C-alpha atoms as a PDB file:
ATOM      1  CA  MET A   1     177.572 130.321 165.321  1.00  0.00           C
ATOM      2  CA  ALA A   2     178.403 127.532 167.669  1.00  0.00           C
ATOM      3  CA  CYS A   3     176.762 124.273 166.703  1.00  0.00           C
ATOM      4  CA  TYR A   4     176.740 122.083 169.734  1.00  0.00           C
ATOM      5  CA  CYS A   5     175.969 118.217 169.351  1.00  0.00           C
ATOM      6  CA  PHE A   6     175.203 116.175 172.275  1.00  0.00           C
ATOM      7  CA  ASP A   7     174.478 112.524 172.558  1.00  0.00           C
ATOM      8  CA  GLY A   8     170.478 112.931 172.848  1.00  0.00           C
ATOM      9  CA  SER A   9     170.470 112.301 177.165  1.00  0.00           C
ATOM     10  CA  MET A  10     168.604 114.745 179.305  1.00  0.00           C
ATOM     11  CA  THR A  11     172.183 115.385 180.937  1.00  0.00           C
ATOM     12  CA  GLY A  12     174.133 116.052 177.564  1.00  0.00           C
ATOM     13  CA  LEU A  13     171.732 118.476 176.906  1.00  0.00           C
ATOM     14  CA  LEU A  14     172.039 120.534 179.955  1.00  0.00           C
ATOM     15  CA  SER A  15     175.557 120.218 179.514  1.00  0.00           C
ATOM     16  CA  CYS A  16     175.184 122.198 176.431  1.00  0.00           C
ATOM     17  CA  VAL A  17     173.290 124.695 178.610  1.00  0.00           C
ATOM     18  CA  PHE A  18     176.415 125.008 181.112  1.00  0.00           C
ATOM     19  CA  ARG A  19     178.697 125.558 178.233  1.00  0.00           C
ATOM     20  CA  ALA A  20     176.610 128.316 176.546  1.00  0.00           C
ATOM     21  CA  PHE A  21     177.115 130.443 179.695  1.00  0.00           C
ATOM     22  CA  GLU A  22     180.417 129.344 180.206  1.00  0.00           C
ATOM     23  CA  PHE A  23     181.771 130.332 176.992  1.00  0.00           C
ATOM     24  CA  LYS A  24     179.064 132.830 175.726  1.00  0.00           C
ATOM     25  CA  GLU A  25     177.930 131.238 173.185  1.00  0.00           C
ATOM     26  CA  LEU A  26     174.004 131.817 173.847  1.00  0.00           C
ATOM     27  CA  ASN A  27     172.327 131.700 170.319  1.00  0.00           C
ATOM     28  CA  ALA A  28     174.216 128.247 169.819  1.00  0.00           C
ATOM     29  CA  ARG A  29     172.078 125.591 167.760  1.00  0.00           C
ATOM     30  CA  ILE A  30     172.084 122.271 169.264  1.00  0.00           C
ATOM     31  CA  THR A  31     171.791 119.006 167.893  1.00  0.00           C
ATOM     32  CA  ALA A  32     171.919 115.428 168.881  1.00  0.00           C
ATOM     33  CA  ASN A  33     172.637 114.117 165.075  1.00  0.00           C
ATOM     34  CA  PRO A  34     176.007 113.876 164.606  1.00  0.00           C
ATOM     35  CA  GLN A  35     175.634 113.960 160.800  1.00  0.00           C
ATOM     36  CA  ALA A  36     173.492 117.493 160.960  1.00  0.00           C
ATOM     37  CA  GLN A  37     174.265 119.693 158.394  1.00  0.00           C
ATOM     38  CA  ASN A  38     176.028 122.995 159.640  1.00  0.00           C
ATOM     39  CA  GLY A  39     175.641 126.651 158.151  1.00  0.00           C
ATOM     40  CA  LEU A  40     178.273 127.781 156.136  1.00  0.00           C
ATOM     41  CA  PHE A  41     180.094 129.682 159.055  1.00  0.00           C
ATOM     42  CA  ASP A  42     178.982 127.050 161.819  1.00  0.00           C
ATOM     43  CA  GLU A  43     181.177 125.783 164.234  1.00  0.00           C
ATOM     44  CA  PHE A  44     180.652 121.949 164.771  1.00  0.00           C
ATOM     45  CA  ILE A  45     181.463 121.248 168.804  1.00  0.00           C
ATOM     46  CA  TYR A  46     180.450 117.907 170.393  1.00  0.00           C
ATOM     47  CA  VAL A  47     179.632 118.536 174.114  1.00  0.00           C
ATOM     48  CA  SER A  48     180.419 115.670 176.221  1.00  0.00           C
ATOM     49  CA  SER A  49     177.578 114.545 178.939  1.00  0.00           C
ATOM     50  CA  ASN A  50     178.468 116.003 182.172  1.00  0.00           C
ATOM     51  CA  ASP A  51     176.959 114.744 185.174  1.00  0.00           C
ATOM     52  CA  GLU A  52     178.214 117.642 187.489  1.00  0.00           C
ATOM     53  CA  HIS A  53     177.204 120.548 184.851  1.00  0.00           C
ATOM     54  CA  GLY A  54     174.082 118.898 184.297  1.00  0.00           C
ATOM     55  CA  GLN A  55     173.180 118.747 187.697  1.00  0.00           C
ATOM     56  CA  ARG A  56     173.937 122.215 188.503  1.00  0.00           C
ATOM     57  CA  VAL A  57     171.838 123.710 185.581  1.00  0.00           C
ATOM     58  CA  TRP A  58     168.823 121.323 186.466  1.00  0.00           C
ATOM     59  CA  GLN A  59     169.098 122.667 190.095  1.00  0.00           C
ATOM     60  CA  GLY A  60     169.239 126.356 188.820  1.00  0.00           C
ATOM     61  CA  LEU A  61     166.378 125.430 186.792  1.00  0.00           C
ATOM     62  CA  LYS A  62     164.052 123.949 189.908  1.00  0.00           C
ATOM     63  CA  GLN A  63     164.972 127.306 191.806  1.00  0.00           C
ATOM     64  CA  LYS A  64     164.087 129.717 188.994  1.00  0.00           C
ATOM     65  CA  VAL A  65     160.933 127.750 187.287  1.00  0.00           C
ATOM     66  CA  SER A  66     157.737 125.880 188.877  1.00  0.00           C
ATOM     67  CA  SER A  67     157.535 122.141 189.482  1.00  0.00           C
ATOM     68  CA  SER A  68     154.931 122.295 186.530  1.00  0.00           C
ATOM     69  CA  SER A  69     157.398 123.692 184.152  1.00  0.00           C
ATOM     70  CA  LEU A  70     160.076 121.050 185.286  1.00  0.00           C
ATOM     71  CA  ARG A  71     157.687 118.749 184.214  1.00  0.00           C
ATOM     72  CA  THR A  72     156.846 120.511 181.112  1.00  0.00           C
ATOM     73  CA  PHE A  73     160.438 120.591 180.458  1.00  0.00           C
ATOM     74  CA  TYR A  74     160.777 116.991 180.809  1.00  0.00           C
ATOM     75  CA  TYR A  75     157.942 115.830 178.554  1.00  0.00           C
ATOM     76  CA  THR A  76     159.313 117.852 175.873  1.00  0.00           C
ATOM     77  CA  PHE A  77     162.523 116.357 176.024  1.00  0.00           C
ATOM     78  CA  LEU A  78     160.797 112.590 175.876  1.00  0.00           C
ATOM     79  CA  SER A  79     159.442 113.835 172.163  1.00  0.00           C
ATOM     80  CA  GLU A  80     163.091 112.971 171.101  1.00  0.00           C
ATOM     81  CA  GLN A  81     162.722 115.911 168.138  1.00  0.00           C
ATOM     82  CA  GLU A  82     165.663 117.875 167.135  1.00  0.00           C
ATOM     83  CA  ALA A  83     163.252 121.159 167.183  1.00  0.00           C
ATOM     84  CA  ALA A  84     162.010 120.366 170.705  1.00  0.00           C
ATOM     85  CA  PHE A  85     165.686 119.869 171.809  1.00  0.00           C
ATOM     86  CA  GLN A  86     166.316 123.471 170.553  1.00  0.00           C
ATOM     87  CA  ILE A  87     163.387 124.832 172.148  1.00  0.00           C
ATOM     88  CA  LEU A  88     164.344 123.315 175.342  1.00  0.00           C
ATOM     89  CA  PHE A  89     168.104 124.648 174.912  1.00  0.00           C
ATOM     90  CA  ASP A  90     166.442 128.495 174.203  1.00  0.00           C
ATOM     91  CA  PHE A  91     164.089 128.345 177.016  1.00  0.00           C
ATOM     92  CA  ALA A  92     167.024 127.489 179.719  1.00  0.00           C
ATOM     93  CA  VAL A  93     168.991 130.245 178.503  1.00  0.00           C
ATOM     94  CA  TYR A  94     165.680 132.552 178.703  1.00  0.00           C
ATOM     95  CA  VAL A  95     165.479 131.569 182.022  1.00  0.00           C
ATOM     96  CA  PHE A  96     168.776 132.207 183.215  1.00  0.00           C
ATOM     97  CA  LYS A  97     169.277 135.466 181.451  1.00  0.00           C
ATOM     98  CA  ASN A  98     166.131 136.871 183.632  1.00  0.00           C
ATOM     99  CA  GLN A  99     165.749 137.872 186.843  1.00  0.00           C
ATOM    100  CA  ARG A 100     162.456 137.576 186.924  1.00  0.00           C
ATOM    101  CA  PRO A 101     159.841 134.396 186.567  1.00  0.00           C
ATOM    102  CA  VAL A 102     159.974 133.721 182.753  1.00  0.00           C
ATOM    103  CA  ASP A 103     158.004 130.268 182.739  1.00  0.00           C
ATOM    104  CA  LYS A 104     154.594 131.805 182.039  1.00  0.00           C
ATOM    105  CA  ASP A 105     156.016 134.214 179.353  1.00  0.00           C
ATOM    106  CA  TYR A 106     154.046 132.470 176.439  1.00  0.00           C
ATOM    107  CA  GLY A 107     155.125 135.501 174.008  1.00  0.00           C
ATOM    108  CA  HIS A 108     158.390 133.857 173.935  1.00  0.00           C
ATOM    109  CA  HIS A 109     158.985 131.198 171.523  1.00  0.00           C
ATOM    110  CA  ALA A 110     160.642 128.976 173.704  1.00  0.00           C
ATOM    111  CA  VAL A 111     157.892 129.230 176.397  1.00  0.00           C
ATOM    112  CA  ILE A 112     155.161 128.614 174.054  1.00  0.00           C
ATOM    113  CA  GLY A 113     157.114 125.925 171.918  1.00  0.00           C
ATOM    114  CA  MET A 114     157.606 123.815 174.920  1.00  0.00           C
ATOM    115  CA  SER A 115     154.256 124.090 175.946  1.00  0.00           C
ATOM    116  CA  GLN A 116     153.121 122.689 172.843  1.00  0.00           C
ATOM    117  CA  TRP A 117     155.567 119.755 172.621  1.00  0.00           C
ATOM    118  CA  ALA A 118     154.625 119.274 176.167  1.00  0.00           C
ATOM    119  CA  LYS A 119     150.858 118.706 175.406  1.00  0.00           C
ATOM    120  CA  GLN A 120     151.737 116.320 172.524  1.00  0.00           C
ATOM    121  CA  VAL A 121     153.481 114.275 174.797  1.00  0.00           C
ATOM    122  CA  GLY A 122     150.857 114.328 177.168  1.00  0.00           C
ATOM    123  CA  ARG A 123     148.386 113.100 174.798  1.00  0.00           C
ATOM    124  CA  GLU A 124     150.506 110.158 173.778  1.00  0.00           C
ATOM    125  CA  LYS A 125     150.904 109.056 177.157  1.00  0.00           C
ATOM    126  CA  HIS A 126     147.283 109.030 177.607  1.00  0.00           C
ATOM    127  CA  ARG A 127     146.497 107.043 174.715  1.00  0.00           C
ATOM    128  CA  MET A 128     149.136 104.354 175.440  1.00  0.00           C
ATOM    129  CA  GLU A 129     147.438 103.972 179.120  1.00  0.00           C
ATOM    130  CA  ALA A 130     144.278 103.555 177.265  1.00  0.00           C
ATOM    131  CA  PHE A 131     144.626 101.606 174.451  1.00  0.00           C
ATOM    132  CA  VAL A 132     147.954  99.219 175.311  1.00  0.00           C
ATOM    133  CA  ARG A 133     146.623  95.247 175.659  1.00  0.00           C
ATOM    134  CA  PHE A 134     148.186  92.739 176.946  1.00  0.00           C
ATOM    135  CA  LYS A 135     148.648  88.756 176.027  1.00  0.00           C
ATOM    136  CA  LYS A 136     149.331  86.206 178.821  1.00  0.00           C
ATOM    137  CA  ALA A 137     152.169  83.922 178.462  1.00  0.00           C
ATOM    138  CA  LYS A 138     152.410  80.592 179.787  1.00  0.00           C
ATOM    139  CA  ASP A 139     154.641  81.762 182.753  1.00  0.00           C
ATOM    140  CA  GLY A 140     152.186  84.126 183.553  1.00  0.00           C
ATOM    141  CA  LEU A 141     153.994  87.191 182.344  1.00  0.00           C
ATOM    142  CA  PHE A 142     151.575  89.668 180.704  1.00  0.00           C
ATOM    143  CA  LEU A 143     153.347  90.963 177.228  1.00  0.00           C
ATOM    144  CA  SER A 144     152.812  94.155 175.184  1.00  0.00           C
ATOM    145  CA  LEU A 145     154.640  95.107 172.537  1.00  0.00           C
ATOM    146  CA  VAL A 146     154.173  99.291 171.616  1.00  0.00           C
ATOM    147  CA  LYS A 147     155.530 101.758 168.926  1.00  0.00           C
ATOM    148  CA  PRO A 148     154.752 105.116 170.707  1.00  0.00           C
ATOM    149  CA  ASP A 149     155.504 108.136 168.658  1.00  0.00           C
ATOM    150  CA  PHE A 150     157.238 109.844 171.958  1.00  0.00           C
ATOM    151  CA  ASN A 151     159.404 108.031 174.622  1.00  0.00           C
ATOM    152  CA  VAL A 152     156.479 107.661 177.273  1.00  0.00           C
ATOM    153  CA  LEU A 153     157.413 104.562 178.798  1.00  0.00           C
ATOM    154  CA  PRO A 154     159.002 106.691 181.476  1.00  0.00           C
ATOM    155  CA  ILE A 155     155.966 108.310 182.330  1.00  0.00           C
ATOM    156  CA  ILE A 156     153.457 105.522 181.757  1.00  0.00           C
ATOM    157  CA  SER A 157     154.922 103.074 184.360  1.00  0.00           C
ATOM    158  CA  ARG A 158     153.122 104.653 187.305  1.00  0.00           C
ATOM    159  CA  HIS A 159     149.735 104.209 186.187  1.00  0.00           C
ATOM    160  CA  PHE A 160     150.022 100.479 184.982  1.00  0.00           C
ATOM    161  CA  GLN A 161     152.007  99.888 188.217  1.00  0.00           C
ATOM    162  CA  GLU A 162     149.026 101.008 190.202  1.00  0.00           C
ATOM    163  CA  ARG A 163     146.491  99.755 187.876  1.00  0.00           C
ATOM    164  CA  TYR A 164     148.178  95.749 187.817  1.00  0.00           C
ATOM    165  CA  GLN A 165     149.591  95.445 191.228  1.00  0.00           C
ATOM    166  CA  ASP A 166     148.967  91.755 191.671  1.00  0.00           C
ATOM    167  CA  GLN A 167     150.709  90.834 187.838  1.00  0.00           C
ATOM    168  CA  SER A 168     153.871  90.909 186.636  1.00  0.00           C
ATOM    169  CA  TRP A 169     154.053  92.698 183.125  1.00  0.00           C
ATOM    170  CA  LEU A 170     156.082  93.836 180.482  1.00  0.00           C
ATOM    171  CA  ILE A 171     155.655  96.868 178.291  1.00  0.00           C
ATOM    172  CA  TYR A 172     158.039  96.653 175.717  1.00  0.00           C
ATOM    173  CA  ASP A 173     159.032  99.543 172.944  1.00  0.00           C
ATOM    174  CA  GLU A 174     159.940  98.217 169.411  1.00  0.00           C
ATOM    175  CA  LEU A 175     161.243 101.273 168.382  1.00  0.00           C
ATOM    176  CA  ARG A 176     163.851 102.417 171.238  1.00  0.00           C
ATOM    177  CA  ASN A 177     164.517  98.658 172.205  1.00  0.00           C
ATOM    178  CA  TYR A 178     163.776  98.791 175.656  1.00  0.00           C
ATOM    179  CA  GLY A 179     160.880  98.404 178.088  1.00  0.00           C
ATOM    180  CA  ILE A 180     159.566  98.467 181.429  1.00  0.00           C
ATOM    181  CA  TYR A 181     159.357  95.309 183.755  1.00  0.00           C
ATOM    182  CA  TYR A 182     156.925  95.102 186.859  1.00  0.00           C
ATOM    183  CA  ASP A 183     158.087  92.203 189.038  1.00  0.00           C
ATOM    184  CA  LEU A 184     154.962  92.574 191.720  1.00  0.00           C
ATOM    185  CA  GLU A 185     157.539  94.908 193.644  1.00  0.00           C
ATOM    186  CA  GLN A 186     158.949  97.401 191.360  1.00  0.00           C
ATOM    187  CA  VAL A 187     159.258  98.560 188.096  1.00  0.00           C
ATOM    188  CA  HIS A 188     162.373  97.749 186.068  1.00  0.00           C
ATOM    189  CA  GLN A 189     164.049  99.435 182.848  1.00  0.00           C
ATOM    190  CA  VAL A 190     165.223  96.418 180.568  1.00  0.00           C
ATOM    191  CA  GLU A 191     167.312  96.755 177.335  1.00  0.00           C
ATOM    192  CA  MET A 192     167.306  93.901 174.567  1.00  0.00           C
ATOM    193  CA  ASN A 193     166.669  93.450 171.339  1.00  0.00           C
ATOM    194  CA  ALA A 194     162.905  92.535 170.886  1.00  0.00           C
ATOM    195  CA  GLU A 195     163.780  89.060 169.532  1.00  0.00           C
ATOM    196  CA  ALA A 196     165.216  88.294 172.914  1.00  0.00           C
ATOM    197  CA  ILE A 197     161.967  88.144 174.523  1.00  0.00           C
ATOM    198  CA  ASP A 198     161.303  85.417 172.712  1.00  0.00           C
ATOM    199  CA  PRO A 199     163.095  84.014 169.387  1.00  0.00           C
ATOM    200  CA  GLN A 200     159.456  83.671 167.851  1.00  0.00           C
ATOM    201  CA  ILE A 201     157.867  87.159 168.288  1.00  0.00           C
ATOM    202  CA  GLN A 202     157.165  88.945 165.007  1.00  0.00           C
ATOM    203  CA  ILE A 203     158.775  92.091 165.226  1.00  0.00           C
ATOM    204  CA  GLY A 204     156.251  94.903 164.017  1.00  0.00           C
ATOM    205  CA  HIS A 205     153.218  93.081 164.971  1.00  0.00           C
ATOM    206  CA  SER A 206     152.630  94.461 168.427  1.00  0.00           C
ATOM    207  CA  GLN A 207     149.897  92.172 169.341  1.00  0.00           C
ATOM    208  CA  SER A 208     150.398  89.138 167.149  1.00  0.00           C
ATOM    209  CA  PHE A 209     153.046  87.259 169.648  1.00  0.00           C
ATOM    210  CA  SER A 210     154.166  84.114 168.170  1.00  0.00           C
ATOM    211  CA  ILE A 211     155.318  83.103 171.789  1.00  0.00           C
ATOM    212  CA  GLU A 212     153.525  80.127 173.981  1.00  0.00           C
ATOM    213  CA  LEU A 213     150.465  82.024 175.228  1.00  0.00           C
ATOM    214  CA  ASP A 214     148.403  81.042 178.142  1.00  0.00           C
ATOM    215  CA  ASP A 215     146.009  78.382 177.418  1.00  0.00           C
ATOM    216  CA  ASP A 216     142.898  80.542 178.197  1.00  0.00           C
ATOM    217  CA  GLU A 217     144.212  83.357 176.346  1.00  0.00           C
ATOM    218  CA  TRP A 218     142.403  83.125 173.066  1.00  0.00           C
ATOM    219  CA  LEU A 219     139.233  82.376 175.053  1.00  0.00           C
ATOM    220  CA  TYR A 220     139.579  85.796 176.964  1.00  0.00           C
ATOM    221  CA  ASP A 221     140.241  87.470 173.818  1.00  0.00           C
ATOM    222  CA  GLN A 222     137.094  86.121 172.106  1.00  0.00           C
ATOM    223  CA  LEU A 223     135.456  86.860 175.126  1.00  0.00           C
ATOM    224  CA  TRP A 224     136.156  90.727 174.728  1.00  0.00           C
ATOM    225  CA  LYS A 225     135.696  90.489 171.354  1.00  0.00           C
ATOM    226  CA  ASP A 226     132.175  89.248 171.886  1.00  0.00           C
ATOM    227  CA  TYR A 227     131.663  91.599 174.216  1.00  0.00           C
ATOM    228  CA  PHE A 228     132.610  94.494 172.074  1.00  0.00           C
ATOM    229  CA  ASN A 229     130.326  93.214 169.241  1.00  0.00           C
ATOM    230  CA  SER A 230     127.532  92.980 171.618  1.00  0.00           C
ATOM    231  CA  VAL A 231     127.226  96.108 173.203  1.00  0.00           C
ATOM    232  CA  ASN A 232     128.496  98.177 169.488  1.00  0.00           C
ATOM    233  CA  ILE A 233     125.206 100.016 167.702  1.00  0.00           C
ATOM    234  CA  GLN A 234     125.887  99.047 163.943  1.00  0.00           C
ATOM    235  CA  THR A 235     123.407 101.875 162.926  1.00  0.00           C
ATOM    236  CA  ARG A 236     125.025 104.475 165.122  1.00  0.00           C
ATOM    237  CA  ASN A 237     128.544 103.797 163.873  1.00  0.00           C
ATOM    238  CA  ASN A 238     130.696 107.096 162.955  1.00  0.00           C
ATOM    239  CA  MET A 239     133.896 106.205 161.649  1.00  0.00           C
ATOM    240  CA  LYS A 240     135.049 109.533 161.291  1.00  0.00           C
ATOM    241  CA  LEU A 241     134.237 110.213 164.967  1.00  0.00           C
ATOM    242  CA  HIS A 242     135.738 107.532 166.144  1.00  0.00           C
ATOM    243  CA  ILE A 243     138.916 107.332 164.154  1.00  0.00           C
ATOM    244  CA  GLN A 244     138.978 111.160 165.784  1.00  0.00           C
ATOM    245  CA  TYR A 245     139.173 109.433 169.170  1.00  0.00           C
ATOM    246  CA  VAL A 246     141.038 106.243 168.246  1.00  0.00           C
ATOM    247  CA  PRO A 247     143.653 106.866 165.301  1.00  0.00           C
ATOM    248  CA  LYS A 248     144.188 104.070 163.048  1.00  0.00           C
ATOM    249  CA  ARG A 249     147.904 103.767 164.199  1.00  0.00           C
ATOM    250  CA  TYR A 250     146.645 102.601 167.754  1.00  0.00           C
ATOM    251  CA  TRP A 251     144.334  99.787 166.314  1.00  0.00           C
ATOM    252  CA  ARG A 252     147.178  97.465 166.076  1.00  0.00           C
ATOM    253  CA  TYR A 253     146.666  97.186 170.146  1.00  0.00           C
ATOM    254  CA  MET A 254     143.317  96.699 170.298  1.00  0.00           C
ATOM    255  CA  ASN A 255     141.957  93.001 170.475  1.00  0.00           C
ATOM    256  CA  GLU A 256     138.737  94.267 168.707  1.00  0.00           C
ATOM    257  CA  LYS A 257     140.375  95.472 166.034  1.00  0.00           C
ATOM    258  CA  THR A 258     142.051  91.989 165.074  1.00  0.00           C
ATOM    259  CA  LEU A 259     140.316  89.270 163.196  1.00  0.00           C
END
């Protein structure tokens, strides 16, 4: 069996689909890990990203599936998981092998699998939009360092651009070493080492910025904590339910959870 290795990009994944039909290798296994273990009889093939091939496959998908299925396809890709990449490859092959619409055929493992992965990514998107907190620096920039489970920055930028149109902000993904920056006009993707934002940032402590904060930042921080404590009813605390809706891995973003 052929084993395709690609660079982890969307273009690379779609190029694998193109090659599979070109060489009649529709049962190929795909991976973004060059160190992946091959089966005894697997043929390891590196597939280069080809913009023309990727665009042809994408346009073909647009003609054969709905816009919601394309979004589901993209969300699944943002999971960055090997199993999800294989699901996407199998889904694309299944779509092109059939003349009838199959994107609602939940009896097929790739269709249901793609739906499940997209749901997980969508849940992470929603939580990032709800739990991201900013701290204001002296230069007026609002900063937040995050560590989402999936690569959701591309799909949360619209939410923050619409919600915070009158202030410049930067949401930086510590795990993936890139961020989204809003300059009061449009959102840009920036790539840098987290230490390059400021040499005193403590990596791994998302809201414990060691940069020079605005003089009033600690007052706003304390004001929020006071408000949270005033509306919290201690006798009605249900920690099990609370953790269900606000998992502990998100507490690092929340002012009220810090001392």
